[in-house]
Amino acid sequence: MRILFIGDIVGKPGREAVEILLPKLKKKYKADLSIANAENVA
């Protein structure tokens, strides 16, 4: 099982970056599961 862990997502710029990059990262690394630290996302 491959796990993609994303560090701290901060604010709107972080959310937008994840929205754009996550599908590409999941495909590139063939991730089965994605986990993100989103405590500062607001």
N, C-alpha and C. Protein backbone atom coordinates (compact mmCIF):
# COMPACT_ATOMS: atom_id res chain seq x y z
N MET A 1 0.85 -1.17 0.00
CA MET A 1 0.00 0.00 0.00
C MET A 1 0.90 1.24 0.00
N ARG A 2 0.58 2.17 -0.87
CA ARG A 2 1.32 3.43 -0.95
C ARG A 2 0.49 4.55 -0.34
N ILE A 3 1.11 5.29 0.57
CA ILE A 3 0.42 6.38 1.26
C ILE A 3 1.10 7.70 0.88
N LEU A 4 0.29 8.65 0.45
CA LEU A 4 0.77 10.00 0.14
C LEU A 4 0.39 10.89 1.31
N PHE A 5 1.41 11.42 2.00
CA PHE A 5 1.16 12.31 3.14
C PHE A 5 1.53 13.72 2.75
N ILE A 6 0.59 14.64 2.92
CA ILE A 6 0.82 16.04 2.61
C ILE A 6 0.94 16.80 3.92
N GLY A 7 1.99 17.60 4.04
CA GLY A 7 2.21 18.39 5.24
C GLY A 7 1.13 19.45 5.42
N ASP A 8 1.40 20.42 6.21
CA ASP A 8 0.42 21.43 6.60
C ASP A 8 -0.13 22.20 5.39
N ILE A 9 -1.45 22.22 5.26
CA ILE A 9 -2.14 23.00 4.24
C ILE A 9 -2.59 24.29 4.92
N VAL A 10 -2.12 25.44 4.40
CA VAL A 10 -2.38 26.71 5.07
C VAL A 10 -3.24 27.61 4.19
N GLY A 11 -4.44 27.92 4.68
CA GLY A 11 -5.33 28.90 4.05
C GLY A 11 -5.77 28.57 2.64
N LYS A 12 -6.34 29.58 2.00
CA LYS A 12 -6.88 29.42 0.65
C LYS A 12 -5.80 29.05 -0.37
N PRO A 13 -4.61 29.67 -0.33
CA PRO A 13 -3.59 29.27 -1.29
C PRO A 13 -3.21 27.79 -1.18
N GLY A 14 -3.16 27.29 0.05
CA GLY A 14 -2.86 25.88 0.26
C GLY A 14 -3.95 24.97 -0.28
N ARG A 15 -5.21 25.35 -0.03
CA ARG A 15 -6.33 24.55 -0.55
C ARG A 15 -6.31 24.52 -2.07
N GLU A 16 -6.05 25.67 -2.67
CA GLU A 16 -6.02 25.74 -4.13
C GLU A 16 -4.87 24.91 -4.70
N ALA A 17 -3.72 24.95 -4.05
CA ALA A 17 -2.58 24.15 -4.51
C ALA A 17 -2.88 22.66 -4.43
N VAL A 18 -3.49 22.24 -3.33
CA VAL A 18 -3.83 20.82 -3.17
C VAL A 18 -4.86 20.40 -4.22
N GLU A 19 -5.82 21.26 -4.46
CA GLU A 19 -6.85 20.94 -5.46
C GLU A 19 -6.23 20.70 -6.83
N ILE A 20 -5.23 21.49 -7.18
CA ILE A 20 -4.58 21.36 -8.48
C ILE A 20 -3.59 20.20 -8.51
N LEU A 21 -2.79 20.08 -7.45
CA LEU A 21 -1.67 19.15 -7.47
C LEU A 21 -1.99 17.73 -7.00
N LEU A 22 -2.99 17.56 -6.15
CA LEU A 22 -3.26 16.24 -5.58
C LEU A 22 -3.50 15.17 -6.64
N PRO A 23 -4.35 15.40 -7.63
CA PRO A 23 -4.56 14.35 -8.64
C PRO A 23 -3.26 13.95 -9.36
N LYS A 24 -2.41 14.94 -9.64
CA LYS A 24 -1.13 14.65 -10.32
C LYS A 24 -0.20 13.85 -9.41
N LEU A 25 -0.14 14.23 -8.14
CA LEU A 25 0.72 13.53 -7.19
C LEU A 25 0.25 12.09 -6.98
N LYS A 26 -1.07 11.91 -6.86
CA LYS A 26 -1.62 10.57 -6.66
C LYS A 26 -1.27 9.67 -7.84
N LYS A 27 -1.36 10.23 -9.04
CA LYS A 27 -1.06 9.45 -10.24
C LYS A 27 0.44 9.16 -10.33
N LYS A 28 1.26 10.17 -10.08
CA LYS A 28 2.72 10.02 -10.18
C LYS A 28 3.25 8.96 -9.22
N TYR A 29 2.76 8.99 -7.98
CA TYR A 29 3.26 8.07 -6.96
C TYR A 29 2.38 6.84 -6.76
N LYS A 30 1.33 6.72 -7.57
CA LYS A 30 0.40 5.57 -7.51
C LYS A 30 -0.10 5.35 -6.08
N ALA A 31 -0.54 6.44 -5.46
CA ALA A 31 -0.97 6.40 -4.06
C ALA A 31 -2.31 5.69 -3.91
N ASP A 32 -2.40 4.82 -2.93
CA ASP A 32 -3.65 4.15 -2.58
C ASP A 32 -4.44 4.95 -1.55
N LEU A 33 -3.74 5.76 -0.78
CA LEU A 33 -4.36 6.52 0.30
C LEU A 33 -3.66 7.87 0.41
N SER A 34 -4.43 8.93 0.61
CA SER A 34 -3.86 10.27 0.80
C SER A 34 -4.26 10.79 2.17
N ILE A 35 -3.28 11.35 2.88
CA ILE A 35 -3.51 11.93 4.20
C ILE A 35 -2.93 13.34 4.18
N ALA A 36 -3.67 14.29 4.74
CA ALA A 36 -3.19 15.67 4.78
C ALA A 36 -3.39 16.26 6.16
N ASN A 37 -2.41 17.04 6.59
CA ASN A 37 -2.53 17.80 7.83
C ASN A 37 -3.22 19.11 7.45
N ALA A 38 -4.44 19.29 7.90
CA ALA A 38 -5.24 20.45 7.49
C ALA A 38 -5.69 21.30 8.67
N GLU A 39 -4.94 21.30 9.76
CA GLU A 39 -5.38 22.05 10.93
C GLU A 39 -5.36 23.56 10.70
N ASN A 40 -4.57 24.05 9.75
CA ASN A 40 -4.49 25.48 9.47
C ASN A 40 -5.17 25.86 8.16
N VAL A 41 -6.06 25.03 7.68
CA VAL A 41 -6.69 25.23 6.38
C VAL A 41 -7.68 26.40 6.38
N ALA A 42 -8.22 26.74 7.52
CA ALA A 42 -9.22 27.82 7.59
C ALA A 42 -8.61 29.14 7.40
